[in-house]
PDB file of N, CA and C in Angstrom:
ATOM      1  N   MET A   1      -9.606  65.074  44.678  1.00  0.00           N
ATOM      2  CA  MET A   1     -10.037  63.424  44.601  1.00  0.00           C
ATOM      3  C   MET A   1     -10.929  63.554  43.211  1.00  0.00           C
ATOM      4  N   LEU A   2     -10.424  62.318  42.609  1.00  0.00           N
ATOM      5  CA  LEU A   2     -11.226  62.122  41.005  1.00  0.00           C
ATOM      6  C   LEU A   2     -12.285  61.284  41.287  1.00  0.00           C
ATOM      7  N   GLY A   3     -12.808  60.802  42.143  1.00  0.00           N
ATOM      8  CA  GLY A   3     -13.894  59.792  42.396  1.00  0.00           C
ATOM      9  C   GLY A   3     -13.156  58.739  42.791  1.00  0.00           C
ATOM     10  N   THR A   4     -14.372  57.450  42.931  1.00  0.00           N
ATOM     11  CA  THR A   4     -13.868  55.992  43.649  1.00  0.00           C
ATOM     12  C   THR A   4     -14.186  55.370  42.311  1.00  0.00           C
ATOM     13  N   GLY A   5     -13.554  54.118  42.576  1.00  0.00           N
ATOM     14  CA  GLY A   5     -13.706  52.575  41.644  1.00  0.00           C
ATOM     15  C   GLY A   5     -13.468  53.323  40.261  1.00  0.00           C
ATOM     16  N   PRO A   6     -14.366  52.496  39.433  1.00  0.00           N
ATOM     17  CA  PRO A   6     -14.221  53.000  37.629  1.00  0.00           C
ATOM     18  C   PRO A   6     -13.971  54.342  37.772  1.00  0.00           C
ATOM     19  N   ASP A   7     -14.841  55.403  38.251  1.00  0.00           N
ATOM     20  CA  ASP A   7     -14.992  56.515  37.879  1.00  0.00           C
ATOM     21  C   ASP A   7     -13.338  57.215  38.274  1.00  0.00           C
ATOM     22  N   ALA A   8     -12.620  56.956  39.023  1.00  0.00           N
ATOM     23  CA  ALA A   8     -11.228  57.253  39.355  1.00  0.00           C
ATOM     24  C   ALA A   8     -10.281  56.610  38.217  1.00  0.00           C
ATOM     25  N   VAL A   9     -10.647  55.685  38.045  1.00  0.00           N
ATOM     26  CA  VAL A   9      -9.758  55.225  36.607  1.00  0.00           C
ATOM     27  C   VAL A   9     -10.029  55.852  35.298  1.00  0.00           C
ATOM     28  N   ARG A  10     -11.279  56.047  35.083  1.00  0.00           N
ATOM     29  CA  ARG A  10     -11.428  56.870  33.966  1.00  0.00           C
ATOM     30  C   ARG A  10     -10.882  58.222  33.868  1.00  0.00           C
ATOM     31  N   ALA A  11     -11.041  59.074  35.312  1.00  0.00           N
ATOM     32  CA  ALA A  11     -10.521  59.886  35.278  1.00  0.00           C
ATOM     33  C   ALA A  11      -8.988  59.874  35.343  1.00  0.00           C
ATOM     34  N   ARG A  12      -8.470  59.206  35.834  1.00  0.00           N
ATOM     35  CA  ARG A  12      -6.732  59.014  35.893  1.00  0.00           C
ATOM     36  C   ARG A  12      -6.411  58.904  34.213  1.00  0.00           C
ATOM     37  N   GLU A  13      -7.191  57.758  33.318  1.00  0.00           N
ATOM     38  CA  GLU A  13      -6.942  57.633  32.083  1.00  0.00           C
ATOM     39  C   GLU A  13      -6.907  59.010  31.322  1.00  0.00           C
ATOM     40  N   ALA A  14      -8.175  59.840  31.314  1.00  0.00           N
ATOM     41  CA  ALA A  14      -8.192  61.101  30.486  1.00  0.00           C
ATOM     42  C   ALA A  14      -7.205  62.031  30.992  1.00  0.00           C
ATOM     43  N   ALA A  15      -6.469  61.853  32.065  1.00  0.00           N
ATOM     44  CA  ALA A  15      -5.744  63.186  32.437  1.00  0.00           C
ATOM     45  C   ALA A  15      -4.443  62.351  31.954  1.00  0.00           C
ATOM     46  N   ALA A  16      -4.340  60.900  31.859  1.00  0.00           N
ATOM     47  CA  ALA A  16      -2.580  60.539  31.353  1.00  0.00           C
ATOM     48  C   ALA A  16      -3.124  60.813  29.626  1.00  0.00           C
ATOM     49  N   MET A  17      -4.106  60.746  29.185  1.00  0.00           N
ATOM     50  CA  MET A  17      -3.984  60.674  27.414  1.00  0.00           C
ATOM     51  C   MET A  17      -3.742  62.330  27.264  1.00  0.00           C
ATOM     52  N   THR A  18      -4.580  63.332  28.283  1.00  0.00           N
ATOM     53  CA  THR A  18      -4.295  64.641  27.938  1.00  0.00           C
ATOM     54  C   THR A  18      -2.557  65.025  27.982  1.00  0.00           C
ATOM     55  N   ALA A  19      -2.297  64.594  29.168  1.00  0.00           N
ATOM     56  CA  ALA A  19      -0.953  65.108  29.417  1.00  0.00           C
ATOM     57  C   ALA A  19       0.073  64.644  28.054  1.00  0.00           C
ATOM     58  N   HIS A  20      -0.109  63.214  27.797  1.00  0.00           N
ATOM     59  CA  HIS A  20       0.517  62.502  26.496  1.00  0.00           C
ATOM     60  C   HIS A  20       0.396  63.339  25.393  1.00  0.00           C
ATOM     61  N   ALA A  21      -0.895  64.208  24.993  1.00  0.00           N
ATOM     62  CA  ALA A  21      -0.869  64.723  23.913  1.00  0.00           C
ATOM     63  C   ALA A  21      -0.236  66.237  24.059  1.00  0.00           C
ATOM     64  N   ARG A  22      -0.416  66.573  25.138  1.00  0.00           N
ATOM     65  CA  ARG A  22       0.345  67.946  25.313  1.00  0.00           C
ATOM     66  C   ARG A  22       1.934  67.762  25.159  1.00  0.00           C
ATOM     67  N   TRP A  23       2.370  66.638  25.495  1.00  0.00           N
ATOM     68  CA  TRP A  23       3.828  66.108  25.484  1.00  0.00           C
ATOM     69  C   TRP A  23       4.341  65.886  23.675  1.00  0.00           C
ATOM     70  N   MET A  24       3.330  65.513  23.095  1.00  0.00           N
ATOM     71  CA  MET A  24       3.409  65.234  21.775  1.00  0.00           C
ATOM     72  C   MET A  24       3.429  66.509  21.239  1.00  0.00           C
ATOM     73  N   TYR A  25       2.085  67.237  21.303  1.00  0.00           N
ATOM     74  CA  TYR A  25       2.557  68.482  20.559  1.00  0.00           C
ATOM     75  C   TYR A  25       3.518  69.481  21.027  1.00  0.00           C
ATOM     76  N   ALA A  26       4.055  69.540  21.964  1.00  0.00           N
ATOM     77  CA  ALA A  26       5.245  70.395  22.488  1.00  0.00           C
ATOM     78  C   ALA A  26       6.607  69.789  21.629  1.00  0.00           C
ATOM     79  N   SER A  27       6.525  68.614  21.337  1.00  0.00           N
ATOM     80  CA  SER A  27       7.748  68.042  20.874  1.00  0.00           C
ATOM     81  C   SER A  27       7.916  68.120  19.553  1.00  0.00           C
ATOM     82  N   ALA A  28       6.578  67.942  18.764  1.00  0.00           N
ATOM     83  CA  ALA A  28       6.413  68.217  17.452  1.00  0.00           C
ATOM     84  C   ALA A  28       6.859  69.918  17.035  1.00  0.00           C
ATOM     85  N   LEU A  29       6.135  70.616  18.068  1.00  0.00           N
ATOM     86  CA  LEU A  29       6.610  72.185  17.787  1.00  0.00           C
ATOM     87  C   LEU A  29       7.899  72.425  17.684  1.00  0.00           C
ATOM     88  N   ALA A  30       8.824  71.679  18.580  1.00  0.00           N
ATOM     89  CA  ALA A  30      10.369  71.907  19.222  1.00  0.00           C
ATOM     90  C   ALA A  30      11.036  71.410  18.087  1.00  0.00           C
ATOM     91  N   ARG A  31      10.427  70.667  16.900  1.00  0.00           N
ATOM     92  CA  ARG A  31      11.345  70.467  15.671  1.00  0.00           C
ATOM     93  C   ARG A  31      10.831  71.121  14.763  1.00  0.00           C
ATOM     94  N   THR A  32      11.728  71.928  14.061  1.00  0.00           N
ATOM     95  CA  THR A  32      11.815  72.696  13.251  1.00  0.00           C
ATOM     96  C   THR A  32      12.037  71.770  11.459  1.00  0.00           C
ATOM     97  N   GLU A  33      11.239  70.953  11.520  1.00  0.00           N
ATOM     98  CA  GLU A  33      11.079  70.020  10.185  1.00  0.00           C
ATOM     99  C   GLU A  33       9.670  69.019  10.400  1.00  0.00           C
ATOM    100  N   SER A  34       9.633  68.419   9.017  1.00  0.00           N
ATOM    101  CA  SER A  34       8.700  67.443   9.090  1.00  0.00           C
ATOM    102  C   SER A  34       9.051  66.121   9.402  1.00  0.00           C
ATOM    103  N   ARG A  35       8.668  65.124  10.428  1.00  0.00           N
ATOM    104  CA  ARG A  35       9.469  63.848  10.699  1.00  0.00           C
ATOM    105  C   ARG A  35       8.283  63.113  11.341  1.00  0.00           C
ATOM    106  N   GLY A  36       7.949  61.787  10.744  1.00  0.00           N
ATOM    107  CA  GLY A  36       6.926  61.110  11.411  1.00  0.00           C
ATOM    108  C   GLY A  36       5.570  61.564  11.059  1.00  0.00           C
ATOM    109  N   MET A  37       4.722  61.425  12.025  1.00  0.00           N
ATOM    110  CA  MET A  37       3.464  61.908  11.860  1.00  0.00           C
ATOM    111  C   MET A  37       3.315  63.093  12.024  1.00  0.00           C
ATOM    112  N   ALA A  38       4.331  64.082  12.340  1.00  0.00           N
ATOM    113  CA  ALA A  38       4.369  65.723  12.668  1.00  0.00           C
ATOM    114  C   ALA A  38       4.803  66.183  11.315  1.00  0.00           C
ATOM    115  N   ARG A  39       3.669  66.758  10.513  1.00  0.00           N
ATOM    116  CA  ARG A  39       3.985  67.484   9.372  1.00  0.00           C
ATOM    117  C   ARG A  39       3.555  68.844   9.720  1.00  0.00           C
ATOM    118  N   ARG A  40       4.738  69.395   9.102  1.00  0.00           N
ATOM    119  CA  ARG A  40       4.397  71.042   9.399  1.00  0.00           C
ATOM    120  C   ARG A  40       4.428  71.822   8.065  1.00  0.00           C
ATOM    121  N   LEU A  41       3.466  72.535   7.971  1.00  0.00           N
ATOM    122  CA  LEU A  41       3.486  73.266   6.636  1.00  0.00           C
ATOM    123  C   LEU A  41       4.826  74.492   6.349  1.00  0.00           C
ATOM    124  N   ASP A  42       5.227  74.828   7.682  1.00  0.00           N
ATOM    125  CA  ASP A  42       6.265  75.749   7.737  1.00  0.00           C
ATOM    126  C   ASP A  42       7.586  75.300   7.518  1.00  0.00           C
ATOM    127  N   PHE A  43       7.694  73.925   7.788  1.00  0.00           N
ATOM    128  CA  PHE A  43       9.136  73.294   7.474  1.00  0.00           C
ATOM    129  C   PHE A  43       8.732  71.800   6.709  1.00  0.00           C
ATOM    130  N   PRO A  44       8.289  71.719   5.534  1.00  0.00           N
ATOM    131  CA  PRO A  44       7.745  70.415   5.149  1.00  0.00           C
ATOM    132  C   PRO A  44       8.964  69.529   5.032  1.00  0.00           C
ATOM    133  N   GLU A  45      10.001  69.747   4.966  1.00  0.00           N
ATOM    134  CA  GLU A  45      11.204  68.650   4.405  1.00  0.00           C
ATOM    135  C   GLU A  45      11.786  68.359   6.213  1.00  0.00           C
ATOM    136  N   GLN A  46      12.337  67.149   5.808  1.00  0.00           N
ATOM    137  CA  GLN A  46      13.093  66.498   7.078  1.00  0.00           C
ATOM    138  C   GLN A  46      14.707  67.225   6.902  1.00  0.00           C
ATOM    139  N   ASP A  47      15.415  67.443   8.156  1.00  0.00           N
ATOM    140  CA  ASP A  47      16.133  68.057   8.501  1.00  0.00           C
ATOM    141  C   ASP A  47      17.407  67.045   8.941  1.00  0.00           C
ATOM    142  N   PRO A  48      18.548  66.574   8.171  1.00  0.00           N
ATOM    143  CA  PRO A  48      19.523  65.665   8.667  1.00  0.00           C
ATOM    144  C   PRO A  48      20.159  66.119  10.051  1.00  0.00           C
ATOM    145  N   ALA A  49      20.240  67.306  10.278  1.00  0.00           N
ATOM    146  CA  ALA A  49      20.705  67.937  11.341  1.00  0.00           C
ATOM    147  C   ALA A  49      20.020  67.628  12.604  1.00  0.00           C
ATOM    148  N   GLN A  50      18.787  66.921  12.454  1.00  0.00           N
ATOM    149  CA  GLN A  50      17.914  66.996  13.686  1.00  0.00           C
ATOM    150  C   GLN A  50      17.519  65.590  13.852  1.00  0.00           C
ATOM    151  N   ARG A  51      18.360  64.478  13.798  1.00  0.00           N
ATOM    152  CA  ARG A  51      18.437  63.305  14.058  1.00  0.00           C
ATOM    153  C   ARG A  51      18.812  63.051  15.651  1.00  0.00           C
ATOM    154  N   HIS A  52      18.015  63.363  16.558  1.00  0.00           N
ATOM    155  CA  HIS A  52      17.880  63.277  17.717  1.00  0.00           C
ATOM    156  C   HIS A  52      16.395  63.236  18.439  1.00  0.00           C
ATOM    157  N   ARG A  53      16.420  62.429  19.431  1.00  0.00           N
ATOM    158  CA  ARG A  53      15.185  62.533  20.211  1.00  0.00           C
ATOM    159  C   ARG A  53      15.038  64.028  20.792  1.00  0.00           C
ATOM    160  N   ILE A  54      13.870  64.239  21.228  1.00  0.00           N
ATOM    161  CA  ILE A  54      13.180  65.552  21.852  1.00  0.00           C
ATOM    162  C   ILE A  54      12.710  64.570  23.060  1.00  0.00           C
ATOM    163  N   ILE A  55      13.446  65.430  24.334  1.00  0.00           N
ATOM    164  CA  ILE A  55      12.926  65.110  25.491  1.00  0.00           C
ATOM    165  C   ILE A  55      11.936  65.916  26.007  1.00  0.00           C
ATOM    166  N   THR A  56      10.783  65.285  26.617  1.00  0.00           N
ATOM    167  CA  THR A  56       9.813  66.411  26.793  1.00  0.00           C
ATOM    168  C   THR A  56       9.103  66.013  28.465  1.00  0.00           C
ATOM    169  N   GLY A  57       8.626  66.887  29.207  1.00  0.00           N
ATOM    170  CA  GLY A  57       7.964  66.497  30.544  1.00  0.00           C
ATOM    171  C   GLY A  57       7.230  67.857  31.063  1.00  0.00           C
ATOM    172  N   GLY A  58       6.756  67.401  32.275  1.00  0.00           N
ATOM    173  CA  GLY A  58       6.204  68.728  33.005  1.00  0.00           C
ATOM    174  C   GLY A  58       4.700  68.403  32.862  1.00  0.00           C
ATOM    175  N   LEU A  59       4.201  69.097  33.912  1.00  0.00           N
ATOM    176  CA  LEU A  59       2.402  68.626  33.928  1.00  0.00           C
ATOM    177  C   LEU A  59       1.847  70.129  33.808  1.00  0.00           C
ATOM    178  N   ASP A  60       2.302  70.967  34.789  1.00  0.00           N
ATOM    179  CA  ASP A  60       1.927  72.474  34.717  1.00  0.00           C
ATOM    180  C   ASP A  60       2.110  73.107  33.759  1.00  0.00           C
ATOM    181  N   GLU A  61       3.617  73.080  33.376  1.00  0.00           N
ATOM    182  CA  GLU A  61       4.113  73.701  32.483  1.00  0.00           C
ATOM    183  C   GLU A  61       5.257  72.612  31.700  1.00  0.00           C
ATOM    184  N   VAL A  62       4.724  72.570  30.338  1.00  0.00           N
ATOM    185  CA  VAL A  62       5.675  71.392  29.354  1.00  0.00           C
ATOM    186  C   VAL A  62       6.557  72.286  28.919  1.00  0.00           C
ATOM    187  N   TRP A  63       7.697  70.950  28.913  1.00  0.00           N
ATOM    188  CA  TRP A  63       9.164  71.580  28.561  1.00  0.00           C
ATOM    189  C   TRP A  63       9.681  70.849  27.467  1.00  0.00           C
ATOM    190  N   THR A  64      10.430  71.149  26.873  1.00  0.00           N
ATOM    191  CA  THR A  64      11.035  70.260  25.825  1.00  0.00           C
ATOM    192  C   THR A  64      12.746  70.462  25.859  1.00  0.00           C
ATOM    193  N   ARG A  65      13.548  69.664  25.320  1.00  0.00           N
ATOM    194  CA  ARG A  65      14.770  69.573  25.105  1.00  0.00           C
ATOM    195  C   ARG A  65      15.413  68.479  24.611  1.00  0.00           C
ATOM    196  N   PRO A  66      16.217  68.619  23.505  1.00  0.00           N
ATOM    197  CA  PRO A  66      17.255  67.644  22.750  1.00  0.00           C
ATOM    198  C   PRO A  66      17.715  66.731  23.673  1.00  0.00           C
ATOM    199  N   GLU A  67      17.681  65.479  23.243  1.00  0.00           N
ATOM    200  CA  GLU A  67      18.423  64.670  23.990  1.00  0.00           C
ATOM    201  C   GLU A  67      19.977  64.622  23.847  1.00  0.00           C
ATOM    202  N   SER A  68      20.801  64.710  25.160  1.00  0.00           N
ATOM    203  CA  SER A  68      22.379  65.064  24.489  1.00  0.00           C
ATOM    204  C   SER A  68      23.050  63.930  24.157  1.00  0.00           C
ATOM    205  N   VAL A  69      23.688  64.478  23.382  1.00  0.00           N
ATOM    206  CA  VAL A  69      24.632  63.192  22.582  1.00  0.00           C
ATOM    207  C   VAL A  69      25.422  62.392  23.514  1.00  0.00           C
ATOM    208  N   ALA A  70      25.814  62.983  24.812  1.00  0.00           N
ATOM    209  CA  ALA A  70      26.448  62.117  25.498  1.00  0.00           C
ATOM    210  C   ALA A  70      25.454  60.833  26.017  1.00  0.00           C
ATOM    211  N   ALA A  71      24.234  60.912  26.095  1.00  0.00           N
ATOM    212  CA  ALA A  71      23.274  60.405  26.702  1.00  0.00           C
ATOM    213  C   ALA A  71      23.029  59.029  25.187  1.00  0.00           C
ATOM    214  N   LEU A  72      23.066  59.627  24.179  1.00  0.00           N
ATOM    215  CA  LEU A  72      23.066  58.606  23.238  1.00  0.00           C
ATOM    216  C   LEU A  72      24.259  57.629  22.979  1.00  0.00           C
ATOM    217  N   LEU A  73      25.434  58.188  23.080  1.00  0.00           N
ATOM    218  CA  LEU A  73      26.650  57.452  22.830  1.00  0.00           C
ATOM    219  C   LEU A  73      26.899  56.484  24.362  1.00  0.00           C
ATOM    220  N   GLU A  74      26.450  56.649  25.595  1.00  0.00           N
ATOM    221  CA  GLU A  74      26.175  56.104  26.780  1.00  0.00           C
ATOM    222  C   GLU A  74      25.329  54.969  26.372  1.00  0.00           C
ATOM    223  N   ALA A  75      23.987  55.052  25.968  1.00  0.00           N
ATOM    224  CA  ALA A  75      23.049  54.213  25.311  1.00  0.00           C
ATOM    225  C   ALA A  75      23.397  53.035  24.338  1.00  0.00           C
ATOM    226  N   ALA A  76      24.416  53.671  23.710  1.00  0.00           N
ATOM    227  CA  ALA A  76      24.905  53.071  22.679  1.00  0.00           C
ATOM    228  C   ALA A  76      26.104  51.788  22.997  1.00  0.00           C
ATOM    229  N   SER A  77      26.680  52.414  24.110  1.00  0.00           N
ATOM    230  CA  SER A  77      27.661  51.420  24.636  1.00  0.00           C
ATOM    231  C   SER A  77      27.287  50.284  25.662  1.00  0.00           C
TER     232      SER A  77
END
């Protein structure tokens, strides 16, 4: 249990921010390019072939995968 009252809220907020940071970091590493705020010294340029979103999730083990083209086409229609 993370506590009660305001302590529980603060603990849950900290856990959520930590999870979000881990997902952002994993997503940035999954791209072999620089894009947005993710600047990489080993891949300083944008890659036009990587114009897709990176889906990420997981708590114990963070995973990433590129969003499928089928999902993008469904969303556009």
